[in-house]
Amino acid sequence: MKFNYLEAIVFDPKWWNRFMEDSTDYMNHPLKPKDVVYYLGDIPNVPGHGIVIKRSGGIVTMVHPEDFRKAREEEL
């Protein structure tokens, strides 16, 4: 899915439940399901990866756009 610059999106990975069962590393993941972030853009020389900024101001790199969906108005 393609997102626009600064579009509000929601972290909604399909793999999260399996990841939680298989590992305790999920506690260190910079995003949690249902986190609303803002899309900064694709990383040109790393296909399939992008950069987002959290509401707190933290920047998260190397995210997979397929792990996100467009935010609904009630989530903003």
Protein backbone atom coordinates (compact mmCIF):
# COMPACT_ATOMS: atom_id res chain seq x y z
CA MET A 1 0.00 0.00 0.00
CA LYS A 2 1.20 3.49 -0.79
CA PHE A 3 0.84 6.27 1.75
CA ASN A 4 1.16 10.00 1.28
CA TYR A 5 3.75 12.13 3.05
CA LEU A 6 2.60 12.80 6.64
CA GLU A 7 -0.50 10.66 6.24
CA ALA A 8 -1.77 9.24 9.55
CA ILE A 9 -1.49 5.46 9.51
CA VAL A 10 -1.99 2.70 12.08
CA PHE A 11 0.45 -0.09 12.90
CA ASP A 12 -1.67 -3.21 12.28
CA PRO A 13 0.67 -6.12 11.46
CA LYS A 14 -0.84 -9.49 10.62
CA TRP A 15 2.14 -11.29 12.18
CA TRP A 16 1.96 -9.70 15.65
CA ASN A 17 0.09 -12.48 17.50
CA ARG A 18 2.46 -15.14 16.19
CA PHE A 19 5.43 -12.91 17.06
CA MET A 20 4.14 -12.50 20.62
CA GLU A 21 3.80 -16.26 21.04
CA ASP A 22 7.25 -17.03 19.64
CA SER A 23 9.35 -14.34 21.27
CA THR A 24 9.70 -11.91 24.13
CA ASP A 25 11.40 -9.47 21.74
CA TYR A 26 8.02 -7.87 21.01
CA MET A 27 8.46 -5.87 24.22
CA ASN A 28 11.40 -4.10 22.57
CA HIS A 29 9.61 -3.40 19.29
CA PRO A 30 9.36 0.39 18.78
CA LEU A 31 5.69 0.15 17.77
CA LYS A 32 2.70 -1.60 19.30
CA PRO A 33 -0.47 -2.63 17.46
CA LYS A 34 -2.91 0.24 16.94
CA ASP A 35 -0.19 2.92 17.31
CA VAL A 36 -0.99 5.89 15.09
CA VAL A 37 2.09 7.24 13.30
CA TYR A 38 2.76 9.59 10.39
CA TYR A 39 4.36 8.36 7.20
CA LEU A 40 7.52 10.21 6.19
CA GLY A 41 8.17 8.23 3.03
CA ASP A 42 9.73 5.26 1.32
CA ILE A 43 13.46 4.61 1.62
CA PRO A 44 14.58 4.87 -2.03
CA ASN A 45 17.52 2.47 -1.91
CA VAL A 46 15.79 -0.10 0.35
CA PRO A 47 12.73 -1.28 -1.57
CA GLY A 48 9.72 -2.22 0.54
CA HIS A 49 10.77 -0.13 3.53
CA GLY A 50 9.76 3.25 4.87
CA ILE A 51 10.14 5.71 7.74
CA VAL A 52 7.46 6.85 10.20
CA ILE A 53 7.33 9.34 13.04
CA LYS A 54 5.52 8.58 16.28
CA ARG A 55 3.28 11.09 18.05
CA SER A 56 5.97 11.36 20.72
CA GLY A 57 8.41 12.50 18.04
CA GLY A 58 10.43 9.31 17.78
CA ILE A 59 11.42 8.21 14.29
CA VAL A 60 11.18 4.54 13.32
CA THR A 61 13.05 3.39 10.24
CA MET A 62 12.95 0.24 8.12
CA VAL A 63 9.21 -0.34 8.59
CA HIS A 64 7.23 -2.44 6.11
CA PRO A 65 4.29 -0.45 4.70
CA GLU A 66 2.19 -3.64 4.51
CA ASP A 67 2.17 -3.65 8.34
CA PHE A 68 0.11 -0.45 8.33
CA ARG A 69 -3.31 0.73 7.25
CA LYS A 70 -4.81 4.18 6.78
CA ALA A 71 -6.08 5.67 10.03
CA ARG A 72 -9.81 6.17 10.52
CA GLU A 73 -11.06 9.52 11.75
CA GLU A 74 -11.99 8.16 15.18
CA GLU A 75 -8.40 6.95 15.68
CA LEU A 76 -6.94 10.42 15.28
